[in-house]
Amino acid sequence: MTVEVAAITAFGVVVAALLTYVTAAQARMQRDLGAAERTNDALWAYTRSLIDQVYRLGGQPTDPPQYIRKLYPSKEDAP
């Protein structure tokens, strides 16, 4: 009887640890996905402003906003 109880307890501990790991991994992936979506939205907004500025209004494109410079630093931005 005690061997069965010990086996069931050990199995429960392993399943609980596995569920905890899977839940933490899912939370990490959701956080990373949220950051990627925000970056994608920012890039689309900048691209749309470039299209409006150059093709519709004429003229030179404006400098990229700071969040774009952080994503793609140029040689002038390097320390």
PDB file of N, CA and C in Angstrom:
ATOM      1  N   MET A   1       0.813  -1.199   0.000  1.00  0.00           N
ATOM      2  CA  MET A   1       0.000   0.000   0.000  1.00  0.00           C
ATOM      3  C   MET A   1       0.858   1.267   0.000  1.00  0.00           C
ATOM      4  N   THR A   2       1.916   1.305   0.786  1.00  0.00           N
ATOM      5  CA  THR A   2       2.748   2.507   0.842  1.00  0.00           C
ATOM      6  C   THR A   2       3.553   2.706  -0.433  1.00  0.00           C
ATOM      7  N   VAL A   3       3.881   1.639  -1.123  1.00  0.00           N
ATOM      8  CA  VAL A   3       4.622   1.774  -2.375  1.00  0.00           C
ATOM      9  C   VAL A   3       3.727   2.453  -3.418  1.00  0.00           C
ATOM     10  N   GLU A   4       2.454   2.068  -3.439  1.00  0.00           N
ATOM     11  CA  GLU A   4       1.523   2.686  -4.386  1.00  0.00           C
ATOM     12  C   GLU A   4       1.322   4.164  -4.078  1.00  0.00           C
ATOM     13  N   VAL A   5       1.211   4.489  -2.826  1.00  0.00           N
ATOM     14  CA  VAL A   5       1.033   5.889  -2.420  1.00  0.00           C
ATOM     15  C   VAL A   5       2.275   6.695  -2.776  1.00  0.00           C
ATOM     16  N   ALA A   6       3.437   6.142  -2.560  1.00  0.00           N
ATOM     17  CA  ALA A   6       4.684   6.830  -2.890  1.00  0.00           C
ATOM     18  C   ALA A   6       4.800   7.019  -4.405  1.00  0.00           C
ATOM     19  N   ALA A   7       4.402   6.019  -5.170  1.00  0.00           N
ATOM     20  CA  ALA A   7       4.475   6.132  -6.629  1.00  0.00           C
ATOM     21  C   ALA A   7       3.498   7.186  -7.137  1.00  0.00           C
ATOM     22  N   ILE A   8       2.297   7.195  -6.601  1.00  0.00           N
ATOM     23  CA  ILE A   8       1.306   8.190  -7.013  1.00  0.00           C
ATOM     24  C   ILE A   8       1.766   9.589  -6.624  1.00  0.00           C
ATOM     25  N   THR A   9       2.346   9.724  -5.453  1.00  0.00           N
ATOM     26  CA  THR A   9       2.854  11.026  -5.008  1.00  0.00           C
ATOM     27  C   THR A   9       3.997  11.498  -5.900  1.00  0.00           C
ATOM     28  N   ALA A  10       4.909  10.602  -6.226  1.00  0.00           N
ATOM     29  CA  ALA A  10       6.030  10.966  -7.097  1.00  0.00           C
ATOM     30  C   ALA A  10       5.512  11.363  -8.484  1.00  0.00           C
ATOM     31  N   PHE A  11       4.547  10.631  -8.998  1.00  0.00           N
ATOM     32  CA  PHE A  11       3.967  10.974 -10.289  1.00  0.00           C
ATOM     33  C   PHE A  11       3.294  12.344 -10.226  1.00  0.00           C
ATOM     34  N   GLY A  12       2.592  12.628  -9.159  1.00  0.00           N
ATOM     35  CA  GLY A  12       1.945  13.935  -8.995  1.00  0.00           C
ATOM     36  C   GLY A  12       2.957  15.073  -8.937  1.00  0.00           C
ATOM     37  N   VAL A  13       4.070  14.854  -8.267  1.00  0.00           N
ATOM     38  CA  VAL A  13       5.110  15.871  -8.172  1.00  0.00           C
ATOM     39  C   VAL A  13       5.713  16.139  -9.555  1.00  0.00           C
ATOM     40  N   VAL A  14       5.960  15.099 -10.321  1.00  0.00           N
ATOM     41  CA  VAL A  14       6.519  15.253 -11.664  1.00  0.00           C
ATOM     42  C   VAL A  14       5.537  15.987 -12.569  1.00  0.00           C
ATOM     43  N   VAL A  15       4.276  15.637 -12.516  1.00  0.00           N
ATOM     44  CA  VAL A  15       3.261  16.301 -13.338  1.00  0.00           C
ATOM     45  C   VAL A  15       3.130  17.772 -12.935  1.00  0.00           C
ATOM     46  N   ALA A  16       3.153  18.067 -11.652  1.00  0.00           N
ATOM     47  CA  ALA A  16       3.059  19.455 -11.192  1.00  0.00           C
ATOM     48  C   ALA A  16       4.258  20.269 -11.665  1.00  0.00           C
ATOM     49  N   ALA A  17       5.453  19.698 -11.611  1.00  0.00           N
ATOM     50  CA  ALA A  17       6.639  20.402 -12.082  1.00  0.00           C
ATOM     51  C   ALA A  17       6.566  20.638 -13.586  1.00  0.00           C
ATOM     52  N   LEU A  18       6.100  19.651 -14.312  1.00  0.00           N
ATOM     53  CA  LEU A  18       5.960  19.797 -15.757  1.00  0.00           C
ATOM     54  C   LEU A  18       4.941  20.871 -16.110  1.00  0.00           C
ATOM     55  N   LEU A  19       3.816  20.889 -15.431  1.00  0.00           N
ATOM     56  CA  LEU A  19       2.802  21.916 -15.677  1.00  0.00           C
ATOM     57  C   LEU A  19       3.316  23.312 -15.330  1.00  0.00           C
ATOM     58  N   THR A  20       4.088  23.422 -14.282  1.00  0.00           N
ATOM     59  CA  THR A  20       4.668  24.710 -13.906  1.00  0.00           C
ATOM     60  C   THR A  20       5.635  25.194 -14.984  1.00  0.00           C
ATOM     61  N   TYR A  21       6.457  24.295 -15.495  1.00  0.00           N
ATOM     62  CA  TYR A  21       7.401  24.662 -16.548  1.00  0.00           C
ATOM     63  C   TYR A  21       6.677  25.089 -17.822  1.00  0.00           C
ATOM     64  N   VAL A  22       5.653  24.341 -18.219  1.00  0.00           N
ATOM     65  CA  VAL A  22       4.904  24.669 -19.432  1.00  0.00           C
ATOM     66  C   VAL A  22       4.183  26.007 -19.271  1.00  0.00           C
ATOM     67  N   THR A  23       3.626  26.272 -18.122  1.00  0.00           N
ATOM     68  CA  THR A  23       2.934  27.539 -17.881  1.00  0.00           C
ATOM     69  C   THR A  23       3.916  28.708 -17.943  1.00  0.00           C
ATOM     70  N   ALA A  24       5.089  28.554 -17.353  1.00  0.00           N
ATOM     71  CA  ALA A  24       6.101  29.616 -17.395  1.00  0.00           C
ATOM     72  C   ALA A  24       6.594  29.848 -18.821  1.00  0.00           C
ATOM     73  N   ALA A  25       6.779  28.784 -19.583  1.00  0.00           N
ATOM     74  CA  ALA A  25       7.220  28.928 -20.972  1.00  0.00           C
ATOM     75  C   ALA A  25       6.156  29.630 -21.805  1.00  0.00           C
ATOM     76  N   GLN A  26       4.904  29.313 -21.559  1.00  0.00           N
ATOM     77  CA  GLN A  26       3.817  29.963 -22.290  1.00  0.00           C
ATOM     78  C   GLN A  26       3.758  31.456 -21.950  1.00  0.00           C
ATOM     79  N   ALA A  27       3.947  31.806 -20.709  1.00  0.00           N
ATOM     80  CA  ALA A  27       3.938  33.215 -20.309  1.00  0.00           C
ATOM     81  C   ALA A  27       5.098  33.967 -20.958  1.00  0.00           C
ATOM     82  N   ARG A  28       6.274  33.335 -21.027  1.00  0.00           N
ATOM     83  CA  ARG A  28       7.423  33.957 -21.706  1.00  0.00           C
ATOM     84  C   ARG A  28       7.142  34.173 -23.177  1.00  0.00           C
ATOM     85  N   MET A  29       6.547  33.188 -23.833  1.00  0.00           N
ATOM     86  CA  MET A  29       6.247  33.321 -25.258  1.00  0.00           C
ATOM     87  C   MET A  29       5.218  34.409 -25.507  1.00  0.00           C
ATOM     88  N   GLN A  30       4.220  34.519 -24.655  1.00  0.00           N
ATOM     89  CA  GLN A  30       3.218  35.570 -24.813  1.00  0.00           C
ATOM     90  C   GLN A  30       3.838  36.950 -24.620  1.00  0.00           C
ATOM     91  N   ARG A  31       4.754  37.080 -23.668  1.00  0.00           N
ATOM     92  CA  ARG A  31       5.431  38.354 -23.448  1.00  0.00           C
ATOM     93  C   ARG A  31       6.272  38.734 -24.668  1.00  0.00           C
ATOM     94  N   ASP A  32       7.020  37.760 -25.189  1.00  0.00           N
ATOM     95  CA  ASP A  32       7.847  38.018 -26.368  1.00  0.00           C
ATOM     96  C   ASP A  32       6.993  38.337 -27.583  1.00  0.00           C
ATOM     97  N   LEU A  33       5.868  37.673 -27.717  1.00  0.00           N
ATOM     98  CA  LEU A  33       4.970  37.942 -28.832  1.00  0.00           C
ATOM     99  C   LEU A  33       4.392  39.348 -28.729  1.00  0.00           C
ATOM    100  N   GLY A  34       4.061  39.783 -27.531  1.00  0.00           N
ATOM    101  CA  GLY A  34       3.554  41.143 -27.338  1.00  0.00           C
ATOM    102  C   GLY A  34       4.581  42.188 -27.737  1.00  0.00           C
ATOM    103  N   ALA A  35       5.836  41.945 -27.374  1.00  0.00           N
ATOM    104  CA  ALA A  35       6.896  42.880 -27.759  1.00  0.00           C
ATOM    105  C   ALA A  35       7.087  42.893 -29.271  1.00  0.00           C
ATOM    106  N   ALA A  36       7.017  41.736 -29.897  1.00  0.00           N
ATOM    107  CA  ALA A  36       7.162  41.665 -31.355  1.00  0.00           C
ATOM    108  C   ALA A  36       6.000  42.374 -32.052  1.00  0.00           C
ATOM    109  N   GLU A  37       4.797  42.240 -31.508  1.00  0.00           N
ATOM    110  CA  GLU A  37       3.648  42.924 -32.104  1.00  0.00           C
ATOM    111  C   GLU A  37       3.775  44.440 -31.978  1.00  0.00           C
ATOM    112  N   ARG A  38       4.249  44.915 -30.836  1.00  0.00           N
ATOM    113  CA  ARG A  38       4.448  46.364 -30.673  1.00  0.00           C
ATOM    114  C   ARG A  38       5.507  46.881 -31.638  1.00  0.00           C
ATOM    115  N   THR A  39       6.586  46.121 -31.816  1.00  0.00           N
ATOM    116  CA  THR A  39       7.623  46.513 -32.768  1.00  0.00           C
ATOM    117  C   THR A  39       7.069  46.534 -34.184  1.00  0.00           C
ATOM    118  N   ASN A  40       6.297  45.534 -34.542  1.00  0.00           N
ATOM    119  CA  ASN A  40       5.706  45.465 -35.867  1.00  0.00           C
ATOM    120  C   ASN A  40       4.758  46.638 -36.099  1.00  0.00           C
ATOM    121  N   ASP A  41       3.947  46.967 -35.122  1.00  0.00           N
ATOM    122  CA  ASP A  41       3.039  48.120 -35.251  1.00  0.00           C
ATOM    123  C   ASP A  41       3.821  49.413 -35.445  1.00  0.00           C
ATOM    124  N   ALA A  42       4.912  49.561 -34.701  1.00  0.00           N
ATOM    125  CA  ALA A  42       5.728  50.776 -34.830  1.00  0.00           C
ATOM    126  C   ALA A  42       6.363  50.865 -36.207  1.00  0.00           C
ATOM    127  N   LEU A  43       6.847  49.749 -36.734  1.00  0.00           N
ATOM    128  CA  LEU A  43       7.450  49.758 -38.061  1.00  0.00           C
ATOM    129  C   LEU A  43       6.420  50.056 -39.140  1.00  0.00           C
ATOM    130  N   TRP A  44       5.211  49.517 -39.005  1.00  0.00           N
ATOM    131  CA  TRP A  44       4.164  49.811 -39.979  1.00  0.00           C
ATOM    132  C   TRP A  44       3.765  51.282 -39.930  1.00  0.00           C
ATOM    133  N   ALA A  45       3.689  51.841 -38.741  1.00  0.00           N
ATOM    134  CA  ALA A  45       3.343  53.259 -38.625  1.00  0.00           C
ATOM    135  C   ALA A  45       4.408  54.134 -39.274  1.00  0.00           C
ATOM    136  N   TYR A  46       5.669  53.801 -39.065  1.00  0.00           N
ATOM    137  CA  TYR A  46       6.748  54.580 -39.678  1.00  0.00           C
ATOM    138  C   TYR A  46       6.735  54.426 -41.198  1.00  0.00           C
ATOM    139  N   THR A  47       6.523  53.211 -41.674  1.00  0.00           N
ATOM    140  CA  THR A  47       6.451  52.975 -43.118  1.00  0.00           C
ATOM    141  C   THR A  47       5.297  53.752 -43.729  1.00  0.00           C
ATOM    142  N   ARG A  48       4.166  53.754 -43.055  1.00  0.00           N
ATOM    143  CA  ARG A  48       3.009  54.498 -43.559  1.00  0.00           C
ATOM    144  C   ARG A  48       3.307  56.002 -43.608  1.00  0.00           C
ATOM    145  N   SER A  49       3.989  56.517 -42.610  1.00  0.00           N
ATOM    146  CA  SER A  49       4.324  57.944 -42.627  1.00  0.00           C
ATOM    147  C   SER A  49       5.306  58.264 -43.749  1.00  0.00           C
ATOM    148  N   LEU A  50       6.228  57.346 -44.050  1.00  0.00           N
ATOM    149  CA  LEU A  50       7.144  57.550 -45.175  1.00  0.00           C
ATOM    150  C   LEU A  50       6.386  57.567 -46.504  1.00  0.00           C
ATOM    151  N   ILE A  51       5.452  56.656 -46.657  1.00  0.00           N
ATOM    152  CA  ILE A  51       4.652  56.624 -47.888  1.00  0.00           C
ATOM    153  C   ILE A  51       3.878  57.921 -48.038  1.00  0.00           C
ATOM    154  N   ASP A  52       3.245  58.370 -46.971  1.00  0.00           N
ATOM    155  CA  ASP A  52       2.484  59.623 -47.040  1.00  0.00           C
ATOM    156  C   ASP A  52       3.388  60.801 -47.367  1.00  0.00           C
ATOM    157  N   GLN A  53       4.549  60.857 -46.744  1.00  0.00           N
ATOM    158  CA  GLN A  53       5.445  61.997 -46.928  1.00  0.00           C
ATOM    159  C   GLN A  53       6.024  62.045 -48.333  1.00  0.00           C
ATOM    160  N   VAL A  54       6.533  60.931 -48.812  1.00  0.00           N
ATOM    161  CA  VAL A  54       7.273  60.932 -50.071  1.00  0.00           C
ATOM    162  C   VAL A  54       6.350  60.852 -51.282  1.00  0.00           C
ATOM    163  N   TYR A  55       5.420  59.939 -51.281  1.00  0.00           N
ATOM    164  CA  TYR A  55       4.633  59.697 -52.485  1.00  0.00           C
ATOM    165  C   TYR A  55       3.395  60.576 -52.588  1.00  0.00           C
ATOM    166  N   ARG A  56       2.788  60.878 -51.477  1.00  0.00           N
ATOM    167  CA  ARG A  56       1.554  61.656 -51.529  1.00  0.00           C
ATOM    168  C   ARG A  56       1.791  63.153 -51.384  1.00  0.00           C
ATOM    169  N   LEU A  57       2.678  63.537 -50.479  1.00  0.00           N
ATOM    170  CA  LEU A  57       2.897  64.952 -50.209  1.00  0.00           C
ATOM    171  C   LEU A  57       4.117  65.499 -50.933  1.00  0.00           C
ATOM    172  N   GLY A  58       4.987  64.641 -51.369  1.00  0.00           N
ATOM    173  CA  GLY A  58       6.220  65.073 -52.015  1.00  0.00           C
ATOM    174  C   GLY A  58       7.235  65.514 -50.981  1.00  0.00           C
ATOM    175  N   GLY A  59       8.465  65.527 -51.368  1.00  0.00           N
ATOM    176  CA  GLY A  59       9.498  65.988 -50.453  1.00  0.00           C
ATOM    177  C   GLY A  59      10.348  64.855 -49.934  1.00  0.00           C
ATOM    178  N   GLN A  60      11.245  65.238 -49.058  1.00  0.00           N
ATOM    179  CA  GLN A  60      12.194  64.294 -48.479  1.00  0.00           C
ATOM    180  C   GLN A  60      11.574  63.570 -47.283  1.00  0.00           C
ATOM    181  N   PRO A  61      11.961  62.331 -47.073  1.00  0.00           N
ATOM    182  CA  PRO A  61      11.455  61.625 -45.893  1.00  0.00           C
ATOM    183  C   PRO A  61      12.009  62.235 -44.615  1.00  0.00           C
ATOM    184  N   THR A  62      11.242  62.146 -43.566  1.00  0.00           N
ATOM    185  CA  THR A  62      11.669  62.668 -42.279  1.00  0.00           C
ATOM    186  C   THR A  62      12.621  61.679 -41.610  1.00  0.00           C
ATOM    187  N   ASP A  63      13.315  62.154 -40.606  1.00  0.00           N
ATOM    188  CA  ASP A  63      14.191  61.268 -39.846  1.00  0.00           C
ATOM    189  C   ASP A  63      13.345  60.241 -39.101  1.00  0.00           C
ATOM    190  N   PRO A  64      13.881  59.037 -38.941  1.00  0.00           N
ATOM    191  CA  PRO A  64      13.105  58.017 -38.232  1.00  0.00           C
ATOM    192  C   PRO A  64      12.953  58.374 -36.756  1.00  0.00           C
ATOM    193  N   PRO A  65      11.857  57.971 -36.147  1.00  0.00           N
ATOM    194  CA  PRO A  65      11.685  58.221 -34.717  1.00  0.00           C
ATOM    195  C   PRO A  65      12.681  57.418 -33.886  1.00  0.00           C
ATOM    196  N   GLN A  66      12.755  57.738 -32.628  1.00  0.00           N
ATOM    197  CA  GLN A  66      13.750  57.130 -31.738  1.00  0.00           C
ATOM    198  C   GLN A  66      13.566  55.623 -31.618  1.00  0.00           C
ATOM    199  N   TYR A  67      12.327  55.124 -31.605  1.00  0.00           N
ATOM    200  CA  TYR A  67      12.130  53.687 -31.450  1.00  0.00           C
ATOM    201  C   TYR A  67      12.646  52.915 -32.661  1.00  0.00           C
ATOM    202  N   ILE A  68      12.657  53.533 -33.840  1.00  0.00           N
ATOM    203  CA  ILE A  68      13.229  52.882 -35.013  1.00  0.00           C
ATOM    204  C   ILE A  68      14.750  52.904 -34.924  1.00  0.00           C
ATOM    205  N   ARG A  69      15.306  53.999 -34.439  1.00  0.00           N
ATOM    206  CA  ARG A  69      16.769  54.078 -34.298  1.00  0.00           C
ATOM    207  C   ARG A  69      17.288  53.041 -33.316  1.00  0.00           C
ATOM    208  N   LYS A  70      16.497  52.743 -32.293  1.00  0.00           N
ATOM    209  CA  LYS A  70      16.924  51.725 -31.334  1.00  0.00           C
ATOM    210  C   LYS A  70      16.933  50.339 -31.977  1.00  0.00           C
ATOM    211  N   LEU A  71      16.002  50.095 -32.905  1.00  0.00           N
ATOM    212  CA  LEU A  71      15.944  48.797 -33.565  1.00  0.00           C
ATOM    213  C   LEU A  71      17.075  48.618 -34.571  1.00  0.00           C
ATOM    214  N   TYR A  72      17.340  49.674 -35.336  1.00  0.00           N
ATOM    215  CA  TYR A  72      18.330  49.621 -36.393  1.00  0.00           C
ATOM    216  C   TYR A  72      19.301  50.794 -36.255  1.00  0.00           C
ATOM    217  N   PRO A  73      20.273  50.678 -35.362  1.00  0.00           N
ATOM    218  CA  PRO A  73      21.197  51.800 -35.164  1.00  0.00           C
ATOM    219  C   PRO A  73      22.082  52.009 -36.401  1.00  0.00           C
ATOM    220  N   SER A  74      22.301  53.257 -36.719  1.00  0.00           N
ATOM    221  CA  SER A  74      23.188  53.588 -37.840  1.00  0.00           C
ATOM    222  C   SER A  74      24.591  53.811 -37.301  1.00  0.00           C
ATOM    223  N   LYS A  75      25.521  54.071 -38.217  1.00  0.00           N
ATOM    224  CA  LYS A  75      26.900  54.302 -37.800  1.00  0.00           C
ATOM    225  C   LYS A  75      27.032  55.599 -37.015  1.00  0.00           C
ATOM    226  N   GLU A  76      26.168  56.584 -37.305  1.00  0.00           N
ATOM    227  CA  GLU A  76      26.227  57.844 -36.562  1.00  0.00           C
ATOM    228  C   GLU A  76      25.734  57.688 -35.124  1.00  0.00           C
ATOM    229  N   ASP A  77      24.805  56.725 -34.904  1.00  0.00           N
ATOM    230  CA  ASP A  77      24.252  56.517 -33.572  1.00  0.00           C
ATOM    231  C   ASP A  77      25.149  55.675 -32.683  1.00  0.00           C
ATOM    232  N   ALA A  78      26.145  55.020 -33.261  1.00  0.00           N
ATOM    233  CA  ALA A  78      27.010  54.138 -32.484  1.00  0.00           C
ATOM    234  C   ALA A  78      27.886  54.952 -31.533  1.00  0.00           C
ATOM    235  N   PRO A  79      28.101  54.421 -30.327  1.00  0.00           N
ATOM    236  CA  PRO A  79      28.945  55.166 -29.357  1.00  0.00           C
ATOM    237  C   PRO A  79      30.403  55.142 -29.705  1.00  0.00           C
TER     238      PRO A  79
END
